[in-house]
């Protein structure tokens, strides 16, 4: 599990970011999509490692001028983001 309020460690290219897990291990993620819902921006990330499946969803918040990723704790909010993400792929 990734730390809450996780600051982006580094960006190797425009679509890959590295985050730290709870034990301090670096994990690379591809930014699959960013969505804005009701003035809140979200990032949909997929682990670059082939052994990891699925995506993780974070809120993008501004903390002292830096973009920080925050876990989405509310189930209703999470479902809203998932629905918007699925709609995005229906349009493509």
Protein backbone atom coordinates (compact mmCIF):
# COMPACT_ATOMS: atom_id res chain seq x y z
CA UNK A 1 0.00 0.00 0.00
CA UNK A 2 1.28 3.42 -0.84
CA UNK A 3 1.60 6.11 1.76
CA UNK A 4 -1.20 8.63 2.07
CA UNK A 5 -0.36 12.11 0.75
CA UNK A 6 2.41 10.59 -1.34
CA UNK A 7 4.60 13.14 -3.03
CA UNK A 8 5.76 12.24 -6.50
CA UNK A 9 9.37 11.10 -6.11
CA UNK A 10 10.44 11.58 -9.71
CA UNK A 11 9.14 11.54 -13.23
CA UNK A 12 11.25 9.51 -15.66
CA UNK A 13 9.19 10.67 -18.60
CA UNK A 14 5.84 12.34 -18.99
CA UNK A 15 3.83 9.18 -18.27
CA UNK A 16 5.94 7.33 -15.67
CA UNK A 17 6.20 8.36 -12.02
CA UNK A 18 7.91 6.70 -9.08
CA UNK A 19 6.21 6.49 -5.69
CA UNK A 20 7.33 5.05 -2.38
CA UNK A 21 5.38 2.28 -0.66
CA UNK A 22 5.03 1.97 3.13
CA UNK A 23 8.41 0.25 3.41
CA UNK A 24 10.21 2.90 1.33
CA UNK A 25 10.46 0.72 -1.80
CA UNK A 26 10.22 2.65 -5.09
CA UNK A 27 7.43 1.55 -7.44
CA UNK A 28 7.05 2.86 -11.00
CA UNK A 29 3.59 3.69 -12.30
CA UNK A 30 2.29 4.73 -15.68
CA UNK A 31 -0.17 7.60 -15.63
CA UNK A 32 -3.10 6.07 -17.49
CA UNK A 33 -5.38 9.10 -17.21
CA UNK A 34 -6.16 12.20 -15.23
CA UNK A 35 -9.77 13.22 -14.64
CA UNK A 36 -11.37 16.32 -13.21
CA UNK A 37 -14.64 15.80 -11.36
CA UNK A 38 -16.34 18.70 -9.56
CA UNK A 39 -13.09 20.72 -9.52
CA UNK A 40 -11.10 17.84 -8.03
CA UNK A 41 -8.37 16.25 -10.13
CA UNK A 42 -7.68 12.52 -9.98
CA UNK A 43 -4.87 10.35 -11.35
CA UNK A 44 -5.41 6.80 -12.58
CA UNK A 45 -2.10 4.92 -12.27
CA UNK A 46 -1.07 1.45 -13.41
CA UNK A 47 2.01 -0.34 -12.06
CA UNK A 48 4.74 -0.68 -14.70
CA UNK A 49 5.75 -4.10 -13.30
CA UNK A 50 4.10 -6.79 -15.42
CA UNK A 51 3.33 -8.86 -12.30
CA UNK A 52 1.06 -6.15 -10.86
CA UNK A 53 -2.41 -5.90 -12.34
CA UNK A 54 -5.09 -3.27 -12.04
CA UNK A 55 -4.99 0.44 -11.41
CA UNK A 56 -4.84 2.71 -8.40
CA UNK A 57 -6.70 5.99 -8.06
CA UNK A 58 -5.39 9.06 -6.28
CA UNK A 59 -6.65 12.57 -5.68
CA UNK A 60 -4.17 15.21 -6.87
CA UNK A 61 -3.95 17.94 -4.26
CA UNK A 62 -1.80 21.04 -3.94
CA UNK A 63 0.35 21.08 -0.84
CA UNK A 64 2.53 24.15 -0.46
CA UNK A 65 2.82 24.54 -4.23
CA UNK A 66 3.61 20.87 -4.90
CA UNK A 67 1.34 18.26 -6.43
CA UNK A 68 0.72 15.48 -3.92
CA UNK A 69 -1.20 12.25 -4.41
CA UNK A 70 -3.75 11.34 -1.77
CA UNK A 71 -5.57 8.02 -1.42
CA UNK A 72 -9.29 8.21 -2.11
CA UNK A 73 -10.86 7.00 1.14
CA UNK A 74 -14.57 7.56 0.43
CA UNK A 75 -16.22 4.64 -1.40
CA UNK A 76 -18.85 6.86 -3.05
CA UNK A 77 -16.13 9.21 -4.35
CA UNK A 78 -14.08 6.25 -5.57
CA UNK A 79 -17.08 4.81 -7.44
CA UNK A 80 -17.71 8.20 -9.03
CA UNK A 81 -14.13 8.30 -10.35
CA UNK A 82 -14.34 4.71 -11.61
CA UNK A 83 -17.58 5.52 -13.47
CA UNK A 84 -16.02 8.61 -15.08
CA UNK A 85 -12.95 6.57 -16.04
CA UNK A 86 -15.12 3.87 -17.64
CA UNK A 87 -17.07 6.55 -19.56
CA UNK A 88 -13.80 7.95 -20.86
CA UNK A 89 -12.94 4.58 -22.41
CA UNK A 90 -16.42 4.17 -23.89
CA UNK A 91 -15.88 7.40 -25.82
CA UNK A 92 -12.61 6.20 -27.37
